[in-house]
């Protein structure tokens, strides 16, 4: 057989003149297995490092692409909310130097079938109406313009949720906002 047929084809009991006798064949076999295992591990590490650096070199000039905005067709639709409509029309004056009169009608959206929130909204109806009046009265006429409706709704929602104890409202709906000149 040729010399390069494998590590197990070598005779196990051949020793060089400098080697000590004894110890049997197991130490030589273990040494050979460890030697070939180490060579295999080095080959795997070198291959992995080569692949890593080749990938980095190839992808150096490419630009990562972010996902675009989600199409409205695939966007999740919000759950339908139950609506509390018992808040009466609120009238007051703005915080402007020359005060202006405002009129506001709101509805309050909350999680459907949540009887605790519904009951609390009924009990706190007048407190909520007063809270909304005081909150809106601190705003100027420009702050009550249509461009600020979303921010106003969010602020009102937070104000109402601060007084709620048995749950949270989900949204404030404006039915009407009128600011006179």
C-alpha atoms as a PDB file:
ATOM      1  CA  UNK A   1       0.000   0.000   0.000  1.00  0.00           C
ATOM      2  CA  UNK A   2       1.071   3.579  -0.532  1.00  0.00           C
ATOM      3  CA  UNK A   3       2.228   5.857   2.272  1.00  0.00           C
ATOM      4  CA  UNK A   4      -0.659   8.285   1.869  1.00  0.00           C
ATOM      5  CA  UNK A   5      -3.526   5.816   2.413  1.00  0.00           C
ATOM      6  CA  UNK A   6      -4.367   7.083   5.883  1.00  0.00           C
ATOM      7  CA  UNK A   7      -3.217   7.333   9.433  1.00  0.00           C
ATOM      8  CA  UNK A   8      -4.599   3.932  10.468  1.00  0.00           C
ATOM      9  CA  UNK A   9      -2.671   2.100   7.767  1.00  0.00           C
ATOM     10  CA  UNK A  10       0.618   2.867   9.488  1.00  0.00           C
ATOM     11  CA  UNK A  11       1.891   0.028  11.675  1.00  0.00           C
ATOM     12  CA  UNK A  12       1.115   0.672  15.306  1.00  0.00           C
ATOM     13  CA  UNK A  13       4.132  -0.960  16.889  1.00  0.00           C
ATOM     14  CA  UNK A  14       6.885   0.684  14.836  1.00  0.00           C
ATOM     15  CA  UNK A  15       8.924   3.023  16.956  1.00  0.00           C
ATOM     16  CA  UNK A  16      11.888   5.134  16.244  1.00  0.00           C
ATOM     17  CA  UNK A  17      15.068   4.394  18.079  1.00  0.00           C
ATOM     18  CA  UNK A  18      14.631   7.418  20.328  1.00  0.00           C
ATOM     19  CA  UNK A  19      11.188   6.358  21.604  1.00  0.00           C
ATOM     20  CA  UNK A  20      10.894   4.530  24.847  1.00  0.00           C
ATOM     21  CA  UNK A  21       9.475   1.045  24.879  1.00  0.00           C
ATOM     22  CA  UNK A  22       6.202   0.289  26.627  1.00  0.00           C
ATOM     23  CA  UNK A  23       2.832   1.959  26.823  1.00  0.00           C
ATOM     24  CA  UNK A  24       1.229  -0.279  24.200  1.00  0.00           C
ATOM     25  CA  UNK A  25      -0.541   0.812  21.045  1.00  0.00           C
ATOM     26  CA  UNK A  26      -3.170   3.049  22.687  1.00  0.00           C
ATOM     27  CA  UNK A  27      -1.014   6.122  23.224  1.00  0.00           C
ATOM     28  CA  UNK A  28       0.150   6.103  19.580  1.00  0.00           C
ATOM     29  CA  UNK A  29      -3.430   5.668  18.335  1.00  0.00           C
ATOM     30  CA  UNK A  30      -4.700   8.481  20.569  1.00  0.00           C
ATOM     31  CA  UNK A  31      -1.935  10.771  19.383  1.00  0.00           C
ATOM     32  CA  UNK A  32      -2.727  10.041  15.721  1.00  0.00           C
ATOM     33  CA  UNK A  33      -6.474  10.615  16.229  1.00  0.00           C
ATOM     34  CA  UNK A  34      -5.808  13.891  18.041  1.00  0.00           C
ATOM     35  CA  UNK A  35      -3.410  14.995  15.313  1.00  0.00           C
ATOM     36  CA  UNK A  36      -5.946  14.380  12.520  1.00  0.00           C
ATOM     37  CA  UNK A  37      -8.769  15.920  14.553  1.00  0.00           C
ATOM     38  CA  UNK A  38      -6.711  19.066  15.085  1.00  0.00           C
ATOM     39  CA  UNK A  39      -5.950  19.244  11.358  1.00  0.00           C
ATOM     40  CA  UNK A  40      -9.691  18.909  10.606  1.00  0.00           C
ATOM     41  CA  UNK A  41     -10.591  21.672  13.061  1.00  0.00           C
ATOM     42  CA  UNK A  42      -7.977  24.000  11.555  1.00  0.00           C
ATOM     43  CA  UNK A  43      -9.347  23.319   8.046  1.00  0.00           C
ATOM     44  CA  UNK A  44     -12.914  24.144   9.203  1.00  0.00           C
ATOM     45  CA  UNK A  45     -11.779  27.375  10.886  1.00  0.00           C
ATOM     46  CA  UNK A  46      -9.786  28.482   7.836  1.00  0.00           C
ATOM     47  CA  UNK A  47     -12.759  27.684   5.542  1.00  0.00           C
ATOM     48  CA  UNK A  48     -15.183  29.639   7.732  1.00  0.00           C
ATOM     49  CA  UNK A  49     -12.845  32.633   7.949  1.00  0.00           C
ATOM     50  CA  UNK A  50     -12.332  32.596   4.170  1.00  0.00           C
ATOM     51  CA  UNK A  51     -16.084  32.472   3.547  1.00  0.00           C
ATOM     52  CA  UNK A  52     -16.702  35.319   6.035  1.00  0.00           C
ATOM     53  CA  UNK A  53     -14.113  37.621   4.502  1.00  0.00           C
ATOM     54  CA  UNK A  54     -15.204  36.747   0.946  1.00  0.00           C
ATOM     55  CA  UNK A  55     -18.797  37.679   1.851  1.00  0.00           C
ATOM     56  CA  UNK A  56     -17.670  40.957   3.427  1.00  0.00           C
ATOM     57  CA  UNK A  57     -15.590  41.766   0.343  1.00  0.00           C
ATOM     58  CA  UNK A  58     -18.444  41.009  -2.052  1.00  0.00           C
ATOM     59  CA  UNK A  59     -21.133  42.838  -0.083  1.00  0.00           C
ATOM     60  CA  UNK A  60     -19.051  45.932   0.665  1.00  0.00           C
ATOM     61  CA  UNK A  61     -20.658  48.127  -1.998  1.00  0.00           C
ATOM     62  CA  UNK A  62     -24.257  47.025  -1.540  1.00  0.00           C
ATOM     63  CA  UNK A  63     -26.765  49.205   0.251  1.00  0.00           C
ATOM     64  CA  UNK A  64     -29.055  47.652   2.796  1.00  0.00           C
ATOM     65  CA  UNK A  65     -32.654  48.287   1.983  1.00  0.00           C
ATOM     66  CA  UNK A  66     -35.288  49.066   4.565  1.00  0.00           C
ATOM     67  CA  UNK A  67     -38.786  47.815   4.126  1.00  0.00           C
ATOM     68  CA  UNK A  68     -41.040  50.505   2.811  1.00  0.00           C
ATOM     69  CA  UNK A  69     -44.127  51.683   4.573  1.00  0.00           C
ATOM     70  CA  UNK A  70     -46.804  49.068   4.916  1.00  0.00           C
ATOM     71  CA  UNK A  71     -49.461  49.339   2.275  1.00  0.00           C
ATOM     72  CA  UNK A  72     -52.860  50.403   3.623  1.00  0.00           C
ATOM     73  CA  UNK A  73     -54.265  47.222   2.067  1.00  0.00           C
ATOM     74  CA  UNK A  74     -52.153  45.115   4.448  1.00  0.00           C
ATOM     75  CA  UNK A  75     -52.330  47.345   7.489  1.00  0.00           C
ATOM     76  CA  UNK A  76     -54.280  45.975  10.424  1.00  0.00           C
ATOM     77  CA  UNK A  77     -57.664  47.519  10.997  1.00  0.00           C
ATOM     78  CA  UNK A  78     -58.421  48.738  14.525  1.00  0.00           C
ATOM     79  CA  UNK A  79     -61.063  46.921  16.501  1.00  0.00           C
ATOM     80  CA  UNK A  80     -64.510  48.478  16.620  1.00  0.00           C
ATOM     81  CA  UNK A  81     -65.027  50.405  19.829  1.00  0.00           C
ATOM     82  CA  UNK A  82     -68.085  50.848  21.968  1.00  0.00           C
ATOM     83  CA  UNK A  83     -68.987  54.530  22.184  1.00  0.00           C
ATOM     84  CA  UNK A  84     -70.059  56.596  25.169  1.00  0.00           C
ATOM     85  CA  UNK A  85     -72.196  59.436  23.829  1.00  0.00           C
ATOM     86  CA  UNK A  86     -73.592  60.932  27.031  1.00  0.00           C
ATOM     87  CA  UNK A  87     -71.159  63.870  27.247  1.00  0.00           C
ATOM     88  CA  UNK A  88     -73.214  66.952  26.468  1.00  0.00           C
ATOM     89  CA  UNK A  89     -72.179  69.906  24.343  1.00  0.00           C
ATOM     90  CA  UNK A  90     -69.390  71.862  26.038  1.00  0.00           C
ATOM     91  CA  UNK A  91     -69.143  75.633  25.620  1.00  0.00           C
ATOM     92  CA  UNK A  92     -66.491  77.951  26.955  1.00  0.00           C
ATOM     93  CA  UNK A  93     -63.904  80.604  26.204  1.00  0.00           C
ATOM     94  CA  UNK A  94     -60.407  80.139  24.825  1.00  0.00           C
ATOM     95  CA  UNK A  95     -57.251  81.212  26.635  1.00  0.00           C
ATOM     96  CA  UNK A  96     -56.480  83.901  24.035  1.00  0.00           C
ATOM     97  CA  UNK A  97     -55.880  87.508  25.137  1.00  0.00           C
ATOM     98  CA  UNK A  98     -59.052  88.439  23.303  1.00  0.00           C
ATOM     99  CA  UNK A  99     -61.107  85.436  24.294  1.00  0.00           C
ATOM    100  CA  UNK A 100     -63.101  83.538  21.725  1.00  0.00           C
ATOM    101  CA  UNK A 101     -66.029  81.247  22.331  1.00  0.00           C
ATOM    102  CA  UNK A 102     -65.800  77.557  21.524  1.00  0.00           C
ATOM    103  CA  UNK A 103     -68.383  74.798  21.318  1.00  0.00           C
ATOM    104  CA  UNK A 104     -67.372  71.138  21.484  1.00  0.00           C
ATOM    105  CA  UNK A 105     -69.125  67.777  21.258  1.00  0.00           C
ATOM    106  CA  UNK A 106     -67.220  64.562  21.922  1.00  0.00           C
ATOM    107  CA  UNK A 107     -67.810  60.838  22.105  1.00  0.00           C
ATOM    108  CA  UNK A 108     -65.580  58.466  24.045  1.00  0.00           C
ATOM    109  CA  UNK A 109     -64.500  55.123  22.575  1.00  0.00           C
ATOM    110  CA  UNK A 110     -63.739  52.185  24.855  1.00  0.00           C
ATOM    111  CA  UNK A 111     -63.203  48.463  24.517  1.00  0.00           C
ATOM    112  CA  UNK A 112     -66.398  46.724  23.475  1.00  0.00           C
ATOM    113  CA  UNK A 113     -68.147  44.617  26.146  1.00  0.00           C
ATOM    114  CA  UNK A 114     -66.157  46.248  28.946  1.00  0.00           C
ATOM    115  CA  UNK A 115     -68.972  46.863  31.415  1.00  0.00           C
ATOM    116  CA  UNK A 116     -66.651  48.220  34.125  1.00  0.00           C
ATOM    117  CA  UNK A 117     -65.477  51.088  31.903  1.00  0.00           C
ATOM    118  CA  UNK A 118     -69.008  51.736  30.682  1.00  0.00           C
ATOM    119  CA  UNK A 119     -70.321  51.914  34.254  1.00  0.00           C
ATOM    120  CA  UNK A 120     -67.508  54.216  35.331  1.00  0.00           C
ATOM    121  CA  UNK A 121     -68.080  56.535  32.353  1.00  0.00           C
ATOM    122  CA  UNK A 122     -71.741  56.844  33.335  1.00  0.00           C
ATOM    123  CA  UNK A 123     -70.797  57.573  36.966  1.00  0.00           C
ATOM    124  CA  UNK A 124     -68.103  60.092  35.998  1.00  0.00           C
ATOM    125  CA  UNK A 125     -70.064  61.767  33.207  1.00  0.00           C
ATOM    126  CA  UNK A 126     -70.168  65.193  34.847  1.00  0.00           C
ATOM    127  CA  UNK A 127     -66.587  64.944  36.085  1.00  0.00           C
ATOM    128  CA  UNK A 128     -65.439  64.145  32.537  1.00  0.00           C
ATOM    129  CA  UNK A 129     -67.483  67.000  31.127  1.00  0.00           C
ATOM    130  CA  UNK A 130     -65.899  69.408  33.616  1.00  0.00           C
ATOM    131  CA  UNK A 131     -62.421  68.015  32.887  1.00  0.00           C
ATOM    132  CA  UNK A 132     -62.888  68.541  29.137  1.00  0.00           C
ATOM    133  CA  UNK A 133     -64.196  72.082  29.680  1.00  0.00           C
ATOM    134  CA  UNK A 134     -61.222  73.057  31.858  1.00  0.00           C
ATOM    135  CA  UNK A 135     -58.752  71.392  29.472  1.00  0.00           C
ATOM    136  CA  UNK A 136     -60.094  73.042  26.310  1.00  0.00           C
ATOM    137  CA  UNK A 137     -60.448  76.420  28.069  1.00  0.00           C
ATOM    138  CA  UNK A 138     -56.666  76.441  28.576  1.00  0.00           C
ATOM    139  CA  UNK A 139     -56.090  76.272  24.807  1.00  0.00           C
ATOM    140  CA  UNK A 140     -55.861  79.166  22.362  1.00  0.00           C
ATOM    141  CA  UNK A 141     -57.965  79.380  19.206  1.00  0.00           C
ATOM    142  CA  UNK A 142     -54.957  78.364  17.072  1.00  0.00           C
ATOM    143  CA  UNK A 143     -54.451  75.275  19.248  1.00  0.00           C
ATOM    144  CA  UNK A 144     -58.079  74.335  18.521  1.00  0.00           C
ATOM    145  CA  UNK A 145     -57.527  74.401  14.742  1.00  0.00           C
ATOM    146  CA  UNK A 146     -58.053  71.252  12.626  1.00  0.00           C
ATOM    147  CA  UNK A 147     -54.304  70.626  12.298  1.00  0.00           C
ATOM    148  CA  UNK A 148     -54.139  69.988  16.045  1.00  0.00           C
ATOM    149  CA  UNK A 149     -57.163  67.696  16.395  1.00  0.00           C
ATOM    150  CA  UNK A 150     -55.150  64.477  16.703  1.00  0.00           C
ATOM    151  CA  UNK A 151     -52.908  65.903  19.414  1.00  0.00           C
ATOM    152  CA  UNK A 152     -55.939  67.308  21.266  1.00  0.00           C
ATOM    153  CA  UNK A 153     -57.705  63.953  21.106  1.00  0.00           C
ATOM    154  CA  UNK A 154     -54.638  62.179  22.488  1.00  0.00           C
ATOM    155  CA  UNK A 155     -54.224  64.719  25.305  1.00  0.00           C
ATOM    156  CA  UNK A 156     -57.902  64.461  26.214  1.00  0.00           C
ATOM    157  CA  UNK A 157     -57.662  60.673  26.241  1.00  0.00           C
ATOM    158  CA  UNK A 158     -54.719  60.856  28.664  1.00  0.00           C
ATOM    159  CA  UNK A 159     -56.547  63.353  30.893  1.00  0.00           C
ATOM    160  CA  UNK A 160     -59.667  61.165  31.066  1.00  0.00           C
ATOM    161  CA  UNK A 161     -57.616  58.009  31.692  1.00  0.00           C
ATOM    162  CA  UNK A 162     -55.998  59.714  34.690  1.00  0.00           C
ATOM    163  CA  UNK A 163     -59.355  59.822  36.475  1.00  0.00           C
ATOM    164  CA  UNK A 164     -60.491  56.353  35.395  1.00  0.00           C
ATOM    165  CA  UNK A 165     -59.977  53.563  37.946  1.00  0.00           C
ATOM    166  CA  UNK A 166     -61.611  50.480  36.426  1.00  0.00           C
ATOM    167  CA  UNK A 167     -60.137  50.585  32.932  1.00  0.00           C
ATOM    168  CA  UNK A 168     -58.960  52.829  30.143  1.00  0.00           C
ATOM    169  CA  UNK A 169     -60.680  54.565  27.280  1.00  0.00           C
ATOM    170  CA  UNK A 170     -59.229  53.929  23.839  1.00  0.00           C
ATOM    171  CA  UNK A 171     -60.115  57.093  21.957  1.00  0.00           C
ATOM    172  CA  UNK A 172     -61.800  60.491  22.030  1.00  0.00           C
ATOM    173  CA  UNK A 173     -63.913  61.359  18.987  1.00  0.00           C
ATOM    174  CA  UNK A 174     -64.719  64.938  18.041  1.00  0.00           C
ATOM    175  CA  UNK A 175     -68.270  65.234  16.780  1.00  0.00           C
ATOM    176  CA  UNK A 176     -68.077  69.008  16.484  1.00  0.00           C
ATOM    177  CA  UNK A 177     -65.654  71.831  17.254  1.00  0.00           C
ATOM    178  CA  UNK A 178     -66.627  75.424  16.598  1.00  0.00           C
ATOM    179  CA  UNK A 179     -64.470  78.438  17.529  1.00  0.00           C
ATOM    180  CA  UNK A 180     -66.061  81.815  16.876  1.00  0.00           C
ATOM    181  CA  UNK A 181     -64.079  84.799  15.724  1.00  0.00           C
END
